Protein backbone atom coordinates (compact mmCIF):
# COMPACT_ATOMS: atom_id res chain seq x y z
CA MET A 1 5.21 13.99 -11.45
CA ARG A 2 7.44 13.37 -8.36
CA LEU A 3 5.93 11.06 -5.99
CA THR A 4 6.11 13.34 -2.89
CA GLY A 5 4.14 13.94 0.30
CA THR A 6 2.82 11.75 2.82
CA CYS A 7 0.33 9.53 0.96
CA LEU A 8 -1.68 6.10 1.51
CA PHE A 9 0.29 4.35 -1.08
CA LYS A 10 3.67 4.92 1.05
CA ILE A 11 2.45 3.28 4.03
CA ALA A 12 0.25 0.40 2.67
CA GLY A 13 3.35 -0.17 0.02
CA GLY A 14 5.79 -0.18 2.40
CA VAL A 15 3.83 -2.45 5.22
CA GLY A 16 2.71 -4.73 2.52
CA PHE A 17 5.98 -5.14 0.92
CA ILE A 18 7.28 -5.91 4.29
CA ILE A 19 4.75 -8.31 4.81
CA SER A 20 6.23 -10.11 1.75
CA ILE A 21 9.68 -9.87 2.65
CA ILE A 22 8.86 -12.10 5.84
CA ILE A 23 6.61 -14.57 4.08
CA ASP A 24 9.53 -14.81 1.12
CA LEU A 25 12.17 -15.67 3.52
CA THR A 26 9.81 -18.09 5.56
CA PHE A 27 9.63 -19.97 2.19
CA ALA A 28 12.99 -19.39 1.32
CA LEU A 29 13.70 -21.16 4.64
CA ARG A 30 11.30 -23.97 4.04
CA TYR A 31 9.80 -23.11 7.58
CA PHE A 32 6.19 -23.18 6.54
CA ASN A 33 4.68 -21.43 9.65
CA LEU A 34 1.08 -21.23 9.27
CA TYR A 35 0.79 -18.17 11.38
CA LEU A 36 3.23 -16.28 9.29
CA VAL A 37 1.79 -17.71 5.77
CA SER A 38 -1.54 -16.27 7.20
CA MET A 39 -0.36 -12.73 7.06
CA TYR A 40 -0.20 -13.14 3.14
CA PRO A 41 -3.77 -11.80 2.63
CA VAL A 42 -3.02 -8.90 4.86
CA GLY A 43 0.16 -8.18 2.48
CA ILE A 44 -1.77 -8.68 -0.33
CA LEU A 45 -4.54 -6.26 0.57
CA LEU A 46 -2.15 -3.57 1.22
CA ARG A 47 -0.18 -4.05 -2.01
CA ALA A 48 -3.17 -3.85 -3.69
CA ILE A 49 -4.16 -0.74 -1.98
CA ALA A 50 -1.12 0.74 -2.34
CA TRP A 51 -0.92 0.09 -6.28
CA TYR A 52 -4.40 1.36 -6.79
CA ALA A 53 -3.65 4.66 -4.62
CA LEU A 54 -0.73 5.30 -6.16
CA GLY A 55 -2.39 4.82 -9.60
CA GLU A 56 -4.75 7.54 -8.37
CA HIS A 57 -1.92 9.71 -7.48
CA LEU A 58 0.02 9.13 -10.56
CA LYS A 59 -3.25 9.44 -12.66
CA ASN A 60 -2.25 5.93 -13.74
CA ASP A 61 -4.97 3.49 -15.24
CA PHE A 62 -2.37 0.48 -15.13
CA LEU A 63 -1.27 1.03 -11.85
CA LYS A 64 -5.01 1.09 -10.55
CA MET A 65 -5.76 -2.03 -12.49
CA THR A 66 -2.84 -3.74 -10.74
CA GLY A 67 -4.68 -2.98 -7.40
CA ILE A 68 -7.75 -4.54 -8.71
CA ALA A 69 -5.94 -7.43 -10.50
CA ILE A 70 -3.51 -8.16 -7.22
CA THR A 71 -6.69 -8.08 -5.01
CA VAL A 72 -8.79 -10.57 -7.07
CA MET A 73 -6.14 -12.83 -8.15
CA GLY A 74 -4.32 -12.73 -4.67
CA PHE A 75 -7.55 -13.68 -2.70
CA SER A 76 -7.98 -16.72 -5.43
CA MET A 77 -4.22 -17.92 -5.25
CA ALA A 78 -4.58 -18.06 -1.51
CA ALA A 79 -7.91 -20.01 -2.05
CA PHE A 80 -6.68 -22.50 -4.20
CA PHE A 81 -3.46 -22.70 -2.06
CA THR A 82 -5.46 -23.52 0.86
CA VAL A 83 -7.53 -26.10 -0.85
CA ALA A 84 -4.07 -27.71 -1.79
CA SER A 85 -2.48 -27.12 1.38
CA ARG A 86 -2.73 -30.76 2.82
CA GLN A 87 0.04 -31.75 0.36
CA ILE A 88 1.82 -28.42 0.10
CA LEU A 89 5.02 -29.96 1.87
CA TYR A 90 5.18 -33.06 -0.68
CA PHE A 91 3.98 -31.00 -3.72
CA LEU A 92 1.39 -33.80 -4.81
CA ASP A 93 -1.30 -31.78 -5.61
CA PRO A 94 -1.73 -30.35 -9.05
CA LEU A 95 -3.89 -27.53 -7.62
CA ILE A 96 -0.53 -25.57 -6.74
CA LEU A 97 -0.17 -25.24 -10.20
CA ILE A 98 -3.27 -23.29 -10.67
CA SER A 99 -2.03 -20.99 -7.43
CA LEU A 100 1.11 -20.72 -9.04
CA ALA A 101 -0.21 -19.29 -12.43
CA ILE A 102 -2.27 -16.97 -10.62
CA TRP A 103 0.51 -15.74 -8.67
CA ALA A 104 2.83 -15.48 -11.51
CA ALA A 105 0.31 -13.46 -13.33
CA TYR A 106 -0.10 -10.82 -11.05
CA SER A 107 3.42 -10.73 -10.31
CA ILE A 108 3.57 -9.81 -13.73
CA PHE A 109 1.65 -6.82 -13.25
CA GLU A 110 3.94 -5.67 -10.43
CA LEU A 111 6.94 -6.37 -12.58
CA ARG A 112 5.34 -3.92 -15.41
CA ASN A 113 5.06 -1.47 -12.62
CA TYR A 114 8.15 -1.67 -11.36
CA TRP A 115 9.57 -1.38 -15.05
CA SER A 116 7.47 2.09 -15.36
CA LEU A 117 8.02 3.40 -11.85
CA THR A 118 12.12 3.20 -12.19
CA ARG A 119 12.15 6.59 -13.35
CA PHE A 120 10.61 8.02 -9.91
CA ARG A 121 12.96 6.13 -7.53
CA LEU A 122 15.64 3.71 -8.87
CA ALA A 123 14.72 0.79 -6.19
CA PHE A 124 11.73 0.16 -8.39
CA GLY A 125 14.39 -0.89 -10.99
CA TYR A 126 16.04 -3.17 -8.86
CA ALA A 127 12.65 -4.77 -7.71
CA LYS A 128 12.57 -6.00 -11.33
CA ILE A 129 15.01 -9.01 -9.78
CA SER A 130 11.49 -10.80 -8.89
CA PHE A 131 11.45 -11.76 -12.41
CA VAL A 132 14.46 -14.16 -11.54
CA GLY A 133 12.83 -15.25 -8.36
CA LEU A 134 9.41 -15.92 -10.15
CA ILE A 135 11.00 -18.28 -12.88
CA MET A 136 13.17 -20.21 -10.12
CA VAL A 137 10.25 -20.73 -7.99
CA CYS A 138 7.99 -21.91 -10.79
CA ALA A 139 10.55 -24.45 -12.00
CA ALA A 140 11.16 -25.65 -8.63
CA ALA A 141 7.31 -26.25 -8.18
CA ILE A 142 7.25 -28.22 -11.64
CA LEU A 143 10.44 -30.35 -10.60
CA PHE A 144 8.44 -31.07 -7.47
CA LEU A 145 5.54 -31.89 -8.93
CA TYR A 146 6.66 -33.68 -12.11
CA PHE A 147 10.34 -34.70 -11.66
CA GLU A 148 10.55 -35.69 -8.02
CA PRO A 149 10.95 -39.30 -8.55
CA ALA A 150 13.70 -38.89 -11.13
CA GLY A 151 15.97 -37.45 -8.50
CA TYR A 152 15.77 -33.99 -8.93
CA LEU A 153 14.54 -33.06 -5.33
CA ASP A 154 17.81 -31.53 -3.95
CA PHE A 155 18.37 -29.35 -6.94
CA ALA A 156 14.40 -28.32 -6.73
CA LEU A 157 14.95 -27.40 -2.95
CA ILE A 158 18.03 -25.24 -3.91
CA LEU A 159 16.28 -23.58 -6.61
CA TRP A 160 13.24 -22.85 -4.38
CA SER A 161 15.25 -21.49 -1.62
CA LEU A 162 17.19 -19.22 -4.05
CA GLY A 163 14.08 -18.12 -5.66
CA PHE A 164 12.14 -16.77 -2.65
CA LEU A 165 15.47 -15.06 -1.41
CA THR A 166 15.69 -13.50 -4.63
CA LEU A 167 12.11 -12.34 -4.27
CA ALA A 168 12.84 -11.12 -0.72
CA VAL A 169 15.43 -8.90 -2.10
CA ALA A 170 13.18 -7.76 -4.71
CA SER A 171 10.52 -7.23 -2.18
CA TYR A 172 13.01 -5.05 0.07
CA PHE A 173 13.74 -2.93 -3.21
CA ALA A 174 9.98 -2.31 -3.60
CA THR A 175 9.61 -1.65 0.29
CA TYR A 176 12.45 1.03 0.07
CA GLY A 177 10.83 2.57 -3.20
CA PHE A 178 7.53 3.10 -1.65
CA LEU A 179 8.70 4.30 1.50
CA LYS A 180 11.24 6.97 0.11
CA SER A 181 8.59 7.84 -2.55
């Protein structure tokens, strides 16, 4: 089945991943603007709608399950992140790890979807680079939390920025995949 026609998943996915690009670049530049970061729930909701609508369109239960999982996990992650936000600039709060684990889990759902959608649109195949970005950001956060006193701060900051730049590139490919479907 080809991905054609004007569908809800195109618009929601395109806009949701454009918001992700903006947020990823914000984090890559370490410019923690509360207004920009507050767009995260809107992006999550749009991406969840996109995955669910695409699942309906393709009759694919895993895509629909991804939409539900991103809604639940995305808003849970945002809640934990908000609680820990007082220490976010220093990454001193272990609650950040809970947020990170939730984010990693729903990112794996999306990664699996990129894999299966590559046959419809090659851009989704390129979006699989998100896995590299995910690993880099998680490693940077662990370095911040547990190894900052050991002198790994500069390396962690570079890893953080490169990870989010990689995620921005992956979000670009996902945006293209949704908008050109």
